[in-house]
Amino acid sequence: MALIRSLERGKGGGRPPQSEVDGTYVVVDDPDRGKILKITTYGSDMRKSGPKPSQVIELDAETAQKLVEIIRRDLI
């Protein structure tokens, strides 16, 4: 797990998702950084061992605000 410290547009278009996963989120209070949003994704339905945490993304308020701006500008 790592706190994302910056979020910039990458080069190239990437490719569309190959599968779908479920996710959960929690907000935790960090005494040094304030509130942290933690988003956890779980393995795809094709995983033989069943769903388990796959990736965790952590955002502080500043980076979360940047993500909101990106979503508003590029997705909606």
PDB file of N, CA and C in Angstrom:
ATOM      1  N   MET A   1       0.843  -1.174   0.000  1.00  0.00           N
ATOM      2  CA  MET A   1       0.000   0.000   0.000  1.00  0.00           C
ATOM      3  C   MET A   1       0.887   1.236   0.000  1.00  0.00           C
ATOM      4  N   ALA A   2       0.473   2.191  -0.776  1.00  0.00           N
ATOM      5  CA  ALA A   2       1.241   3.427  -0.850  1.00  0.00           C
ATOM      6  C   ALA A   2       0.309   4.592  -1.146  1.00  0.00           C
ATOM      7  N   LEU A   3       0.610   5.701  -0.526  1.00  0.00           N
ATOM      8  CA  LEU A   3      -0.134   6.928  -0.769  1.00  0.00           C
ATOM      9  C   LEU A   3       0.319   7.518  -2.098  1.00  0.00           C
ATOM     10  N   ILE A   4      -0.621   7.788  -2.980  1.00  0.00           N
ATOM     11  CA  ILE A   4      -0.281   8.404  -4.260  1.00  0.00           C
ATOM     12  C   ILE A   4       0.050   9.868  -3.992  1.00  0.00           C
ATOM     13  N   ARG A   5       1.275  10.287  -4.321  1.00  0.00           N
ATOM     14  CA  ARG A   5       1.696  11.657  -4.027  1.00  0.00           C
ATOM     15  C   ARG A   5       1.482  12.611  -5.186  1.00  0.00           C
ATOM     16  N   SER A   6       1.358  12.077  -6.404  1.00  0.00           N
ATOM     17  CA  SER A   6       1.075  12.936  -7.555  1.00  0.00           C
ATOM     18  C   SER A   6       0.263  12.140  -8.562  1.00  0.00           C
ATOM     19  N   LEU A   7      -0.440  12.859  -9.416  1.00  0.00           N
ATOM     20  CA  LEU A   7      -1.299  12.222 -10.406  1.00  0.00           C
ATOM     21  C   LEU A   7      -1.265  13.073 -11.663  1.00  0.00           C
ATOM     22  N   GLU A   8      -0.545  12.607 -12.672  1.00  0.00           N
ATOM     23  CA  GLU A   8      -0.374  13.344 -13.920  1.00  0.00           C
ATOM     24  C   GLU A   8      -0.819  12.481 -15.089  1.00  0.00           C
ATOM     25  N   ARG A   9      -1.224  13.128 -16.172  1.00  0.00           N
ATOM     26  CA  ARG A   9      -1.639  12.407 -17.376  1.00  0.00           C
ATOM     27  C   ARG A   9      -0.442  11.639 -17.934  1.00  0.00           C
ATOM     28  N   GLY A  10      -0.673  10.363 -18.263  1.00  0.00           N
ATOM     29  CA  GLY A  10       0.372   9.545 -18.866  1.00  0.00           C
ATOM     30  C   GLY A  10       0.369   9.685 -20.380  1.00  0.00           C
ATOM     31  N   LYS A  11       1.367   9.096 -21.005  1.00  0.00           N
ATOM     32  CA  LYS A  11       1.461   9.114 -22.466  1.00  0.00           C
ATOM     33  C   LYS A  11       0.847   7.844 -23.014  1.00  0.00           C
ATOM     34  N   GLY A  12       0.261   7.933 -24.179  1.00  0.00           N
ATOM     35  CA  GLY A  12      -0.364   6.758 -24.784  1.00  0.00           C
ATOM     36  C   GLY A  12      -1.780   6.583 -24.286  1.00  0.00           C
ATOM     37  N   GLY A  13      -2.520   5.766 -25.010  1.00  0.00           N
ATOM     38  CA  GLY A  13      -3.924   5.595 -24.691  1.00  0.00           C
ATOM     39  C   GLY A  13      -4.232   4.397 -23.823  1.00  0.00           C
ATOM     40  N   GLY A  14      -3.295   3.484 -23.670  1.00  0.00           N
ATOM     41  CA  GLY A  14      -3.594   2.277 -22.918  1.00  0.00           C
ATOM     42  C   GLY A  14      -4.553   1.389 -23.677  1.00  0.00           C
ATOM     43  N   ARG A  15      -5.139   0.450 -22.983  1.00  0.00           N
ATOM     44  CA  ARG A  15      -6.110  -0.447 -23.609  1.00  0.00           C
ATOM     45  C   ARG A  15      -7.329  -0.561 -22.702  1.00  0.00           C
ATOM     46  N   PRO A  16      -8.459  -0.955 -23.263  1.00  0.00           N
ATOM     47  CA  PRO A  16      -9.667  -1.097 -22.444  1.00  0.00           C
ATOM     48  C   PRO A  16      -9.503  -2.219 -21.413  1.00  0.00           C
ATOM     49  N   PRO A  17     -10.279  -2.169 -20.322  1.00  0.00           N
ATOM     50  CA  PRO A  17     -10.208  -3.224 -19.308  1.00  0.00           C
ATOM     51  C   PRO A  17     -10.533  -4.592 -19.904  1.00  0.00           C
ATOM     52  N   GLN A  18      -9.844  -5.613 -19.411  1.00  0.00           N
ATOM     53  CA  GLN A  18     -10.067  -6.980 -19.868  1.00  0.00           C
ATOM     54  C   GLN A  18     -11.043  -7.735 -18.967  1.00  0.00           C
ATOM     55  N   SER A  19     -11.266  -7.237 -17.754  1.00  0.00           N
ATOM     56  CA  SER A  19     -12.191  -7.883 -16.823  1.00  0.00           C
ATOM     57  C   SER A  19     -12.732  -6.822 -15.867  1.00  0.00           C
ATOM     58  N   GLU A  20     -13.664  -7.233 -15.030  1.00  0.00           N
ATOM     59  CA  GLU A  20     -14.233  -6.348 -14.021  1.00  0.00           C
ATOM     60  C   GLU A  20     -13.931  -6.919 -12.646  1.00  0.00           C
ATOM     61  N   VAL A  21     -13.789  -6.046 -11.660  1.00  0.00           N
ATOM     62  CA  VAL A  21     -13.549  -6.469 -10.281  1.00  0.00           C
ATOM     63  C   VAL A  21     -14.455  -5.661  -9.360  1.00  0.00           C
ATOM     64  N   ASP A  22     -14.589  -6.123  -8.144  1.00  0.00           N
ATOM     65  CA  ASP A  22     -15.326  -5.383  -7.129  1.00  0.00           C
ATOM     66  C   ASP A  22     -14.343  -4.559  -6.312  1.00  0.00           C
ATOM     67  N   GLY A  23     -14.855  -3.547  -5.640  1.00  0.00           N
ATOM     68  CA  GLY A  23     -14.005  -2.697  -4.820  1.00  0.00           C
ATOM     69  C   GLY A  23     -14.727  -2.230  -3.574  1.00  0.00           C
ATOM     70  N   THR A  24     -13.943  -1.850  -2.590  1.00  0.00           N
ATOM     71  CA  THR A  24     -14.467  -1.252  -1.365  1.00  0.00           C
ATOM     72  C   THR A  24     -13.633  -0.011  -1.061  1.00  0.00           C
ATOM     73  N   TYR A  25     -14.165   0.856  -0.211  1.00  0.00           N
ATOM     74  CA  TYR A  25     -13.371   2.001   0.221  1.00  0.00           C
ATOM     75  C   TYR A  25     -13.615   2.271   1.694  1.00  0.00           C
ATOM     76  N   VAL A  26     -12.629   2.849   2.329  1.00  0.00           N
ATOM     77  CA  VAL A  26     -12.738   3.334   3.705  1.00  0.00           C
ATOM     78  C   VAL A  26     -12.001   4.665   3.774  1.00  0.00           C
ATOM     79  N   VAL A  27     -12.382   5.487   4.731  1.00  0.00           N
ATOM     80  CA  VAL A  27     -11.668   6.726   5.008  1.00  0.00           C
ATOM     81  C   VAL A  27     -11.060   6.577   6.393  1.00  0.00           C
ATOM     82  N   VAL A  28      -9.755   6.766   6.480  1.00  0.00           N
ATOM     83  CA  VAL A  28      -9.057   6.641   7.760  1.00  0.00           C
ATOM     84  C   VAL A  28      -8.438   7.987   8.123  1.00  0.00           C
ATOM     85  N   ASP A  29      -8.315   8.233   9.415  1.00  0.00           N
ATOM     86  CA  ASP A  29      -7.674   9.458   9.893  1.00  0.00           C
ATOM     87  C   ASP A  29      -6.203   9.185  10.153  1.00  0.00           C
ATOM     88  N   ASP A  30      -5.345   9.898   9.456  1.00  0.00           N
ATOM     89  CA  ASP A  30      -3.905   9.812   9.652  1.00  0.00           C
ATOM     90  C   ASP A  30      -3.491  11.042  10.457  1.00  0.00           C
ATOM     91  N   PRO A  31      -2.835  10.854  11.593  1.00  0.00           N
ATOM     92  CA  PRO A  31      -2.489  12.008  12.421  1.00  0.00           C
ATOM     93  C   PRO A  31      -1.592  13.023  11.710  1.00  0.00           C
ATOM     94  N   ASP A  32      -0.817  12.578  10.733  1.00  0.00           N
ATOM     95  CA  ASP A  32       0.100  13.479  10.031  1.00  0.00           C
ATOM     96  C   ASP A  32      -0.478  14.050   8.740  1.00  0.00           C
ATOM     97  N   ARG A  33      -1.357  13.300   8.075  1.00  0.00           N
ATOM     98  CA  ARG A  33      -1.834  13.702   6.747  1.00  0.00           C
ATOM     99  C   ARG A  33      -3.316  14.040   6.695  1.00  0.00           C
ATOM    100  N   GLY A  34      -4.039  13.844   7.764  1.00  0.00           N
ATOM    101  CA  GLY A  34      -5.483  14.068   7.738  1.00  0.00           C
ATOM    102  C   GLY A  34      -6.198  12.835   7.219  1.00  0.00           C
ATOM    103  N   LYS A  35      -7.347  13.031   6.615  1.00  0.00           N
ATOM    104  CA  LYS A  35      -8.134  11.904   6.121  1.00  0.00           C
ATOM    105  C   LYS A  35      -7.500  11.314   4.868  1.00  0.00           C
ATOM    106  N   ILE A  36      -7.497   9.989   4.813  1.00  0.00           N
ATOM    107  CA  ILE A  36      -6.949   9.242   3.681  1.00  0.00           C
ATOM    108  C   ILE A  36      -8.050   8.330   3.141  1.00  0.00           C
ATOM    109  N   LEU A  37      -8.291   8.410   1.841  1.00  0.00           N
ATOM    110  CA  LEU A  37      -9.233   7.513   1.167  1.00  0.00           C
ATOM    111  C   LEU A  37      -8.465   6.291   0.695  1.00  0.00           C
ATOM    112  N   LYS A  38      -8.909   5.104   1.136  1.00  0.00           N
ATOM    113  CA  LYS A  38      -8.277   3.849   0.723  1.00  0.00           C
ATOM    114  C   LYS A  38      -9.276   3.065  -0.121  1.00  0.00           C
ATOM    115  N   ILE A  39      -8.912   2.789  -1.358  1.00  0.00           N
ATOM    116  CA  ILE A  39      -9.749   2.014  -2.275  1.00  0.00           C
ATOM    117  C   ILE A  39      -9.067   0.670  -2.498  1.00  0.00           C
ATOM    118  N   THR A  40      -9.793  -0.408  -2.225  1.00  0.00           N
ATOM    119  CA  THR A  40      -9.259  -1.759  -2.400  1.00  0.00           C
ATOM    120  C   THR A  40     -10.016  -2.452  -3.511  1.00  0.00           C
ATOM    121  N   THR A  41      -9.288  -3.050  -4.443  1.00  0.00           N
ATOM    122  CA  THR A  41      -9.920  -3.870  -5.475  1.00  0.00           C
ATOM    123  C   THR A  41      -9.684  -5.332  -5.133  1.00  0.00           C
ATOM    124  N   TYR A  42     -10.599  -6.168  -5.606  1.00  0.00           N
ATOM    125  CA  TYR A  42     -10.538  -7.601  -5.317  1.00  0.00           C
ATOM    126  C   TYR A  42     -10.388  -8.360  -6.619  1.00  0.00           C
ATOM    127  N   GLY A  43      -9.706  -9.498  -6.566  1.00  0.00           N
ATOM    128  CA  GLY A  43      -9.418 -10.285  -7.759  1.00  0.00           C
ATOM    129  C   GLY A  43     -10.650 -10.566  -8.593  1.00  0.00           C
ATOM    130  N   SER A  44     -10.427 -10.771  -9.872  1.00  0.00           N
ATOM    131  CA  SER A  44     -11.532 -11.001 -10.805  1.00  0.00           C
ATOM    132  C   SER A  44     -12.242 -12.317 -10.510  1.00  0.00           C
ATOM    133  N   ASP A  45     -13.406 -12.476 -11.117  1.00  0.00           N
ATOM    134  CA  ASP A  45     -14.198 -13.696 -10.937  1.00  0.00           C
ATOM    135  C   ASP A  45     -13.456 -14.930 -11.438  1.00  0.00           C
ATOM    136  N   MET A  46     -12.482 -14.740 -12.307  1.00  0.00           N
ATOM    137  CA  MET A  46     -11.740 -15.873 -12.865  1.00  0.00           C
ATOM    138  C   MET A  46     -10.684 -16.412 -11.905  1.00  0.00           C
ATOM    139  N   ARG A  47     -10.416 -15.711 -10.810  1.00  0.00           N
ATOM    140  CA  ARG A  47      -9.410 -16.159  -9.848  1.00  0.00           C
ATOM    141  C   ARG A  47      -9.873 -17.459  -9.201  1.00  0.00           C
ATOM    142  N   LYS A  48      -9.029 -18.449  -9.226  1.00  0.00           N
ATOM    143  CA  LYS A  48      -9.403 -19.767  -8.702  1.00  0.00           C
ATOM    144  C   LYS A  48      -9.547 -19.774  -7.190  1.00  0.00           C
ATOM    145  N   SER A  49      -8.759 -18.976  -6.488  1.00  0.00           N
ATOM    146  CA  SER A  49      -8.780 -19.007  -5.026  1.00  0.00           C
ATOM    147  C   SER A  49      -9.898 -18.168  -4.428  1.00  0.00           C
ATOM    148  N   GLY A  50     -10.717 -17.566  -5.258  1.00  0.00           N
ATOM    149  CA  GLY A  50     -11.794 -16.723  -4.750  1.00  0.00           C
ATOM    150  C   GLY A  50     -11.311 -15.299  -4.554  1.00  0.00           C
ATOM    151  N   PRO A  51     -12.246 -14.382  -4.328  1.00  0.00           N
ATOM    152  CA  PRO A  51     -11.863 -12.977  -4.233  1.00  0.00           C
ATOM    153  C   PRO A  51     -10.991 -12.691  -3.013  1.00  0.00           C
ATOM    154  N   LYS A  52      -9.925 -11.966  -3.218  1.00  0.00           N
ATOM    155  CA  LYS A  52      -9.099 -11.470  -2.122  1.00  0.00           C
ATOM    156  C   LYS A  52      -8.517 -10.130  -2.554  1.00  0.00           C
ATOM    157  N   PRO A  53      -8.112  -9.300  -1.592  1.00  0.00           N
ATOM    158  CA  PRO A  53      -7.593  -7.984  -1.964  1.00  0.00           C
ATOM    159  C   PRO A  53      -6.473  -8.097  -2.989  1.00  0.00           C
ATOM    160  N   SER A  54      -6.574  -7.282  -4.026  1.00  0.00           N
ATOM    161  CA  SER A  54      -5.605  -7.328  -5.109  1.00  0.00           C
ATOM    162  C   SER A  54      -4.724  -6.083  -5.108  1.00  0.00           C
ATOM    163  N   GLN A  55      -5.345  -4.920  -5.038  1.00  0.00           N
ATOM    164  CA  GLN A  55      -4.600  -3.659  -5.032  1.00  0.00           C
ATOM    165  C   GLN A  55      -5.273  -2.687  -4.080  1.00  0.00           C
ATOM    166  N   VAL A  56      -4.466  -1.833  -3.468  1.00  0.00           N
ATOM    167  CA  VAL A  56      -4.983  -0.781  -2.599  1.00  0.00           C
ATOM    168  C   VAL A  56      -4.413   0.546  -3.094  1.00  0.00           C
ATOM    169  N   ILE A  57      -5.287   1.505  -3.288  1.00  0.00           N
ATOM    170  CA  ILE A  57      -4.892   2.846  -3.699  1.00  0.00           C
ATOM    171  C   ILE A  57      -5.246   3.786  -2.554  1.00  0.00           C
ATOM    172  N   GLU A  58      -4.302   4.628  -2.160  1.00  0.00           N
ATOM    173  CA  GLU A  58      -4.535   5.561  -1.062  1.00  0.00           C
ATOM    174  C   GLU A  58      -4.355   6.996  -1.555  1.00  0.00           C
ATOM    175  N   LEU A  59      -5.329   7.842  -1.217  1.00  0.00           N
ATOM    176  CA  LEU A  59      -5.306   9.243  -1.646  1.00  0.00           C
ATOM    177  C   LEU A  59      -5.520  10.158  -0.450  1.00  0.00           C
ATOM    178  N   ASP A  60      -4.688  11.194  -0.331  1.00  0.00           N
ATOM    179  CA  ASP A  60      -4.969  12.225   0.662  1.00  0.00           C
ATOM    180  C   ASP A  60      -5.928  13.235   0.032  1.00  0.00           C
ATOM    181  N   ALA A  61      -6.322  14.245   0.781  1.00  0.00           N
ATOM    182  CA  ALA A  61      -7.329  15.196   0.292  1.00  0.00           C
ATOM    183  C   ALA A  61      -6.864  15.917  -0.971  1.00  0.00           C
ATOM    184  N   GLU A  62      -5.602  16.293  -1.031  1.00  0.00           N
ATOM    185  CA  GLU A  62      -5.092  17.030  -2.192  1.00  0.00           C
ATOM    186  C   GLU A  62      -5.124  16.176  -3.459  1.00  0.00           C
ATOM    187  N   THR A  63      -4.668  14.939  -3.354  1.00  0.00           N
ATOM    188  CA  THR A  63      -4.652  14.065  -4.529  1.00  0.00           C
ATOM    189  C   THR A  63      -6.064  13.628  -4.900  1.00  0.00           C
ATOM    190  N   ALA A  64      -6.927  13.443  -3.911  1.00  0.00           N
ATOM    191  CA  ALA A  64      -8.322  13.106  -4.201  1.00  0.00           C
ATOM    192  C   ALA A  64      -8.996  14.243  -4.962  1.00  0.00           C
ATOM    193  N   GLN A  65      -8.705  15.484  -4.587  1.00  0.00           N
ATOM    194  CA  GLN A  65      -9.258  16.634  -5.300  1.00  0.00           C
ATOM    195  C   GLN A  65      -8.775  16.647  -6.743  1.00  0.00           C
ATOM    196  N   LYS A  66      -7.517  16.317  -6.959  1.00  0.00           N
ATOM    197  CA  LYS A  66      -6.977  16.244  -8.325  1.00  0.00           C
ATOM    198  C   LYS A  66      -7.717  15.171  -9.122  1.00  0.00           C
ATOM    199  N   LEU A  67      -7.993  14.022  -8.496  1.00  0.00           N
ATOM    200  CA  LEU A  67      -8.725  12.952  -9.168  1.00  0.00           C
ATOM    201  C   LEU A  67     -10.138  13.406  -9.528  1.00  0.00           C
ATOM    202  N   VAL A  68     -10.795  14.128  -8.632  1.00  0.00           N
ATOM    203  CA  VAL A  68     -12.133  14.663  -8.917  1.00  0.00           C
ATOM    204  C   VAL A  68     -12.079  15.584 -10.135  1.00  0.00           C
ATOM    205  N   GLU A  69     -11.071  16.437 -10.205  1.00  0.00           N
ATOM    206  CA  GLU A  69     -10.916  17.332 -11.358  1.00  0.00           C
ATOM    207  C   GLU A  69     -10.725  16.541 -12.652  1.00  0.00           C
ATOM    208  N   ILE A  70      -9.921  15.496 -12.598  1.00  0.00           N
ATOM    209  CA  ILE A  70      -9.687  14.650 -13.780  1.00  0.00           C
ATOM    210  C   ILE A  70     -10.982  13.982 -14.217  1.00  0.00           C
ATOM    211  N   ILE A  71     -11.728  13.444 -13.260  1.00  0.00           N
ATOM    212  CA  ILE A  71     -12.992  12.774 -13.581  1.00  0.00           C
ATOM    213  C   ILE A  71     -13.966  13.764 -14.211  1.00  0.00           C
ATOM    214  N   ARG A  72     -14.085  14.947 -13.640  1.00  0.00           N
ATOM    215  CA  ARG A  72     -15.000  15.955 -14.197  1.00  0.00           C
ATOM    216  C   ARG A  72     -14.579  16.383 -15.597  1.00  0.00           C
ATOM    217  N   ARG A  73     -13.298  16.535 -15.811  1.00  0.00           N
ATOM    218  CA  ARG A  73     -12.804  17.013 -17.100  1.00  0.00           C
ATOM    219  C   ARG A  73     -12.857  15.928 -18.180  1.00  0.00           C
ATOM    220  N   ASP A  74     -12.492  14.699 -17.829  1.00  0.00           N
ATOM    221  CA  ASP A  74     -12.288  13.666 -18.847  1.00  0.00           C
ATOM    222  C   ASP A  74     -13.385  12.608 -18.947  1.00  0.00           C
ATOM    223  N   LEU A  75     -14.211  12.457 -17.912  1.00  0.00           N
ATOM    224  CA  LEU A  75     -15.200  11.371 -17.928  1.00  0.00           C
ATOM    225  C   LEU A  75     -16.643  11.839 -17.960  1.00  0.00           C
ATOM    226  N   ILE A  76     -16.959  12.951 -17.292  1.00  0.00           N
ATOM    227  CA  ILE A  76     -18.365  13.370 -17.222  1.00  0.00           C
ATOM    228  C   ILE A  76     -18.560  14.769 -17.761  1.00  0.00           C
TER     229      ILE A  76
END
